[in-house]
N, C-alpha and C. Protein backbone atom coordinates (compact mmCIF):
# COMPACT_ATOMS: atom_id res chain seq x y z
N MET A 1 45.56 -18.07 30.66
CA MET A 1 45.36 -17.23 29.49
C MET A 1 46.69 -16.54 29.17
N ASN A 2 47.12 -16.64 27.93
CA ASN A 2 48.38 -15.99 27.56
C ASN A 2 48.14 -14.51 27.22
N GLU A 3 49.21 -13.79 26.98
CA GLU A 3 49.13 -12.35 26.73
C GLU A 3 48.33 -12.03 25.46
N THR A 4 48.53 -12.80 24.41
CA THR A 4 47.81 -12.57 23.16
C THR A 4 46.30 -12.72 23.37
N GLU A 5 45.91 -13.75 24.10
CA GLU A 5 44.49 -13.99 24.38
C GLU A 5 43.90 -12.85 25.22
N ALA A 6 44.67 -12.37 26.20
CA ALA A 6 44.20 -11.27 27.05
C ALA A 6 44.01 -9.99 26.22
N ILE A 7 44.96 -9.70 25.35
CA ILE A 7 44.85 -8.51 24.50
C ILE A 7 43.66 -8.66 23.55
N PHE A 8 43.49 -9.85 22.99
CA PHE A 8 42.36 -10.10 22.10
C PHE A 8 41.04 -9.80 22.80
N ARG A 9 40.87 -10.30 24.01
CA ARG A 9 39.62 -10.09 24.74
C ARG A 9 39.36 -8.61 25.01
N ILE A 10 40.40 -7.89 25.40
CA ILE A 10 40.25 -6.46 25.67
C ILE A 10 39.88 -5.71 24.40
N VAL A 11 40.59 -5.99 23.32
CA VAL A 11 40.33 -5.31 22.05
C VAL A 11 38.92 -5.62 21.56
N LEU A 12 38.54 -6.88 21.59
CA LEU A 12 37.22 -7.28 21.12
C LEU A 12 36.13 -6.57 21.92
N ARG A 13 36.31 -6.50 23.22
CA ARG A 13 35.34 -5.80 24.08
C ARG A 13 35.27 -4.32 23.72
N ASN A 14 36.42 -3.71 23.46
CA ASN A 14 36.45 -2.28 23.15
C ASN A 14 35.91 -1.95 21.76
N LEU A 15 35.82 -2.94 20.89
CA LEU A 15 35.29 -2.71 19.54
C LEU A 15 33.76 -2.71 19.50
N THR A 16 33.11 -3.06 20.60
CA THR A 16 31.65 -2.95 20.63
C THR A 16 31.29 -1.48 20.68
N LEU A 17 30.21 -1.10 20.02
CA LEU A 17 29.86 0.31 19.87
C LEU A 17 29.73 1.02 21.21
N SER A 18 29.09 0.39 22.18
CA SER A 18 28.89 1.05 23.48
C SER A 18 30.22 1.35 24.16
N ASN A 19 31.17 0.45 24.06
CA ASN A 19 32.49 0.69 24.66
C ASN A 19 33.32 1.64 23.79
N TRP A 20 33.21 1.52 22.48
CA TRP A 20 33.97 2.36 21.55
C TRP A 20 33.70 3.83 21.80
N LEU A 21 32.44 4.16 22.00
CA LEU A 21 32.05 5.56 22.20
C LEU A 21 32.61 6.14 23.50
N ASP A 22 32.93 5.27 24.46
CA ASP A 22 33.49 5.73 25.73
C ASP A 22 35.01 5.92 25.68
N LEU A 23 35.65 5.41 24.63
CA LEU A 23 37.10 5.51 24.54
C LEU A 23 37.53 6.91 24.10
N LEU A 24 38.64 7.36 24.65
CA LEU A 24 39.26 8.60 24.18
C LEU A 24 39.81 8.35 22.77
N PRO A 25 39.96 9.40 21.97
CA PRO A 25 40.49 9.22 20.61
C PRO A 25 41.84 8.49 20.58
N GLU A 26 42.69 8.76 21.56
CA GLU A 26 43.99 8.08 21.62
C GLU A 26 43.81 6.58 21.86
N ALA A 27 42.84 6.23 22.68
CA ALA A 27 42.57 4.82 22.95
C ALA A 27 41.97 4.14 21.72
N GLN A 28 41.15 4.86 20.97
CA GLN A 28 40.60 4.31 19.74
C GLN A 28 41.73 4.01 18.75
N GLN A 29 42.67 4.92 18.63
CA GLN A 29 43.83 4.69 17.75
C GLN A 29 44.63 3.48 18.22
N GLN A 30 44.79 3.35 19.53
CA GLN A 30 45.52 2.21 20.08
C GLN A 30 44.81 0.90 19.75
N MET A 31 43.48 0.91 19.77
CA MET A 31 42.73 -0.29 19.42
C MET A 31 43.00 -0.69 17.97
N PHE A 32 43.06 0.29 17.07
CA PHE A 32 43.38 -0.01 15.67
C PHE A 32 44.77 -0.64 15.55
N GLU A 33 45.72 -0.11 16.30
CA GLU A 33 47.09 -0.66 16.27
C GLU A 33 47.10 -2.08 16.81
N GLU A 34 46.36 -2.31 17.89
CA GLU A 34 46.31 -3.66 18.47
C GLU A 34 45.62 -4.64 17.52
N VAL A 35 44.57 -4.20 16.83
CA VAL A 35 43.90 -5.07 15.86
C VAL A 35 44.89 -5.47 14.77
N ALA A 36 45.65 -4.53 14.26
CA ALA A 36 46.63 -4.83 13.21
C ALA A 36 47.65 -5.86 13.71
N LYS A 37 48.11 -5.70 14.94
CA LYS A 37 49.07 -6.66 15.51
C LYS A 37 48.44 -8.03 15.66
N LEU A 38 47.20 -8.06 16.16
CA LEU A 38 46.52 -9.35 16.36
C LEU A 38 46.26 -10.07 15.05
N ILE A 39 45.85 -9.33 14.03
CA ILE A 39 45.59 -9.94 12.73
C ILE A 39 46.87 -10.52 12.14
N SER A 40 47.99 -9.88 12.41
CA SER A 40 49.28 -10.34 11.90
C SER A 40 49.92 -11.42 12.76
N CYS A 41 49.35 -11.67 13.93
CA CYS A 41 49.93 -12.60 14.90
C CYS A 41 49.63 -14.05 14.52
N ASP A 42 50.67 -14.84 14.34
CA ASP A 42 50.49 -16.25 14.00
C ASP A 42 49.90 -17.05 15.15
N ALA A 43 50.07 -16.58 16.39
CA ALA A 43 49.59 -17.31 17.55
C ALA A 43 48.07 -17.20 17.74
N LEU A 44 47.44 -16.23 17.09
CA LEU A 44 46.00 -16.05 17.23
C LEU A 44 45.28 -16.90 16.18
N PRO A 45 44.37 -17.77 16.62
CA PRO A 45 43.66 -18.63 15.68
C PRO A 45 42.82 -17.83 14.67
N LEU A 46 42.61 -18.41 13.51
CA LEU A 46 41.86 -17.76 12.44
C LEU A 46 40.46 -17.36 12.89
N GLY A 47 39.81 -18.18 13.69
CA GLY A 47 38.46 -17.87 14.17
C GLY A 47 38.41 -16.58 14.98
N LYS A 48 39.44 -16.34 15.76
CA LYS A 48 39.49 -15.12 16.56
C LYS A 48 39.79 -13.91 15.67
N LYS A 49 40.59 -14.12 14.65
CA LYS A 49 40.83 -13.04 13.68
C LYS A 49 39.53 -12.69 12.97
N GLN A 50 38.73 -13.70 12.67
CA GLN A 50 37.45 -13.45 12.03
C GLN A 50 36.50 -12.71 12.96
N GLN A 51 36.57 -12.99 14.27
CA GLN A 51 35.75 -12.25 15.23
C GLN A 51 36.13 -10.77 15.21
N LEU A 52 37.42 -10.49 15.16
CA LEU A 52 37.87 -9.10 15.08
C LEU A 52 37.34 -8.44 13.81
N THR A 53 37.41 -9.16 12.71
CA THR A 53 36.94 -8.64 11.43
C THR A 53 35.45 -8.31 11.49
N MET A 54 34.66 -9.21 12.08
CA MET A 54 33.22 -8.96 12.18
C MET A 54 32.93 -7.76 13.08
N SER A 55 33.68 -7.62 14.16
CA SER A 55 33.50 -6.47 15.05
C SER A 55 33.84 -5.17 14.35
N LEU A 56 34.93 -5.17 13.58
CA LEU A 56 35.31 -3.98 12.82
C LEU A 56 34.24 -3.63 11.79
N ASP A 57 33.74 -4.65 11.13
CA ASP A 57 32.72 -4.43 10.12
C ASP A 57 31.46 -3.82 10.73
N ALA A 58 31.05 -4.31 11.89
CA ALA A 58 29.87 -3.76 12.58
C ALA A 58 30.11 -2.33 13.03
N LEU A 59 31.31 -2.04 13.48
CA LEU A 59 31.65 -0.71 13.97
C LEU A 59 31.73 0.30 12.83
N CYS A 60 32.07 -0.15 11.66
CA CYS A 60 32.32 0.72 10.50
C CYS A 60 31.13 1.62 10.17
N SER A 61 29.94 1.12 10.30
CA SER A 61 28.76 1.91 9.93
C SER A 61 28.41 2.98 10.97
N CYS A 62 29.08 2.98 12.10
CA CYS A 62 28.73 3.89 13.19
C CYS A 62 29.81 4.91 13.52
N VAL A 63 30.85 4.98 12.73
CA VAL A 63 31.97 5.87 13.05
C VAL A 63 32.19 6.90 11.93
N ASN A 64 33.04 7.87 12.21
CA ASN A 64 33.31 8.92 11.22
C ASN A 64 34.15 8.39 10.05
N GLN A 65 34.30 9.21 9.03
CA GLN A 65 34.98 8.80 7.80
C GLN A 65 36.45 8.42 8.04
N VAL A 66 37.13 9.15 8.90
CA VAL A 66 38.54 8.84 9.18
C VAL A 66 38.65 7.44 9.75
N HIS A 67 37.79 7.11 10.70
CA HIS A 67 37.82 5.77 11.29
C HIS A 67 37.39 4.71 10.27
N ARG A 68 36.43 5.05 9.41
CA ARG A 68 36.00 4.10 8.38
C ARG A 68 37.16 3.74 7.45
N ASN A 69 37.95 4.75 7.10
CA ASN A 69 39.11 4.49 6.24
C ASN A 69 40.08 3.55 6.92
N ARG A 70 40.35 3.78 8.19
CA ARG A 70 41.28 2.93 8.95
C ARG A 70 40.73 1.51 9.07
N ILE A 71 39.43 1.41 9.34
CA ILE A 71 38.80 0.09 9.45
C ILE A 71 38.88 -0.64 8.11
N SER A 72 38.67 0.07 7.02
CA SER A 72 38.78 -0.55 5.69
C SER A 72 40.18 -1.11 5.45
N GLN A 73 41.19 -0.37 5.88
CA GLN A 73 42.56 -0.85 5.74
C GLN A 73 42.77 -2.12 6.56
N LEU A 74 42.23 -2.14 7.77
CA LEU A 74 42.38 -3.32 8.62
C LEU A 74 41.62 -4.51 8.05
N LEU A 75 40.47 -4.27 7.45
CA LEU A 75 39.71 -5.36 6.83
C LEU A 75 40.46 -5.95 5.64
N VAL A 76 41.14 -5.12 4.87
CA VAL A 76 41.97 -5.62 3.77
C VAL A 76 43.12 -6.46 4.32
N LEU A 77 43.74 -5.97 5.39
CA LEU A 77 44.82 -6.73 6.03
C LEU A 77 44.30 -8.07 6.53
N SER A 78 43.15 -8.05 7.16
CA SER A 78 42.56 -9.27 7.68
C SER A 78 42.25 -10.25 6.55
N ALA A 79 41.71 -9.75 5.46
CA ALA A 79 41.39 -10.62 4.32
C ALA A 79 42.65 -11.25 3.75
N SER A 80 43.72 -10.49 3.70
CA SER A 80 44.96 -11.04 3.14
C SER A 80 45.53 -12.13 4.04
N TYR A 81 45.43 -11.96 5.36
CA TYR A 81 45.92 -12.99 6.27
C TYR A 81 44.99 -14.20 6.27
N SER A 82 43.69 -13.98 6.22
CA SER A 82 42.74 -15.09 6.18
C SER A 82 42.94 -15.93 4.94
N ASN A 83 43.15 -15.27 3.81
CA ASN A 83 43.36 -16.00 2.56
C ASN A 83 44.69 -16.73 2.57
N ALA A 84 45.70 -16.16 3.19
CA ALA A 84 46.99 -16.84 3.27
C ALA A 84 46.87 -18.09 4.12
N CYS A 85 46.07 -18.02 5.19
CA CYS A 85 45.89 -19.17 6.07
C CYS A 85 45.06 -20.27 5.40
N SER A 86 44.10 -19.87 4.57
CA SER A 86 43.23 -20.86 3.95
C SER A 86 43.77 -21.36 2.61
N GLY A 87 44.85 -20.75 2.15
CA GLY A 87 45.43 -21.16 0.89
C GLY A 87 44.77 -20.53 -0.32
N VAL A 88 43.87 -19.58 -0.12
CA VAL A 88 43.18 -18.90 -1.21
C VAL A 88 43.80 -17.53 -1.40
N ASP A 89 44.17 -17.21 -2.62
CA ASP A 89 44.75 -15.90 -2.90
C ASP A 89 43.72 -15.05 -3.62
N LYS A 90 42.89 -14.36 -2.85
CA LYS A 90 41.83 -13.54 -3.40
C LYS A 90 42.39 -12.29 -4.09
N PHE A 91 43.57 -11.87 -3.66
CA PHE A 91 44.15 -10.63 -4.17
C PHE A 91 45.26 -10.91 -5.18
N LYS A 92 45.19 -12.02 -5.85
CA LYS A 92 46.23 -12.40 -6.80
C LYS A 92 46.42 -11.28 -7.83
N GLY A 93 47.66 -10.91 -8.00
CA GLY A 93 47.96 -9.87 -8.95
C GLY A 93 47.88 -8.47 -8.39
N ARG A 94 47.44 -8.33 -7.14
CA ARG A 94 47.35 -7.00 -6.53
C ARG A 94 48.37 -6.90 -5.41
N ARG A 95 48.88 -5.72 -5.24
CA ARG A 95 49.78 -5.45 -4.12
C ARG A 95 48.98 -4.77 -3.03
N ILE A 96 49.17 -5.20 -1.81
CA ILE A 96 48.48 -4.59 -0.68
C ILE A 96 49.49 -3.76 0.09
N ALA A 97 49.25 -2.47 0.14
CA ALA A 97 50.16 -1.57 0.86
C ALA A 97 50.03 -1.80 2.35
N LYS A 98 51.15 -1.89 3.03
CA LYS A 98 51.13 -2.09 4.47
C LYS A 98 51.73 -0.90 5.20
N THR A 99 51.71 0.25 4.57
CA THR A 99 52.29 1.44 5.19
C THR A 99 51.47 1.94 6.35
N PHE A 100 50.23 1.49 6.48
CA PHE A 100 49.37 1.96 7.54
C PHE A 100 49.58 1.23 8.85
N ILE A 101 50.42 0.22 8.87
CA ILE A 101 50.67 -0.55 10.10
C ILE A 101 51.76 0.13 10.89
C-alpha cells in the first residue's frame, strides 16, 4: 500500500460520523486539508475521490454551519476535478475560487 492509499483509508475512516465526533477540532481541520489534497491528487483514482465526496456529503447534514461551509467548498473542488477527469465541464463559464485550499 502506498502513502496516498494509506492516507485515503485513514481520512475515509475519520469521515464516518462516529469517528468524526471523536476527533478534536484540530484533527477535523486536518481531515479537511487531507481531503483537499487527495481530491487534487492525480495518483488517487476517480472512484476513491467519489468515495470521499459521498462521505463528505453524508457528514454534511450532521455538522455545524462552519463545517458545512468547508464541506461545500470541498464538494465543489471534487466536482471540478471529477468533471475534468471525465471530460465534462459542468462549471463552464464559472470561476472556482481555490483560496480555501
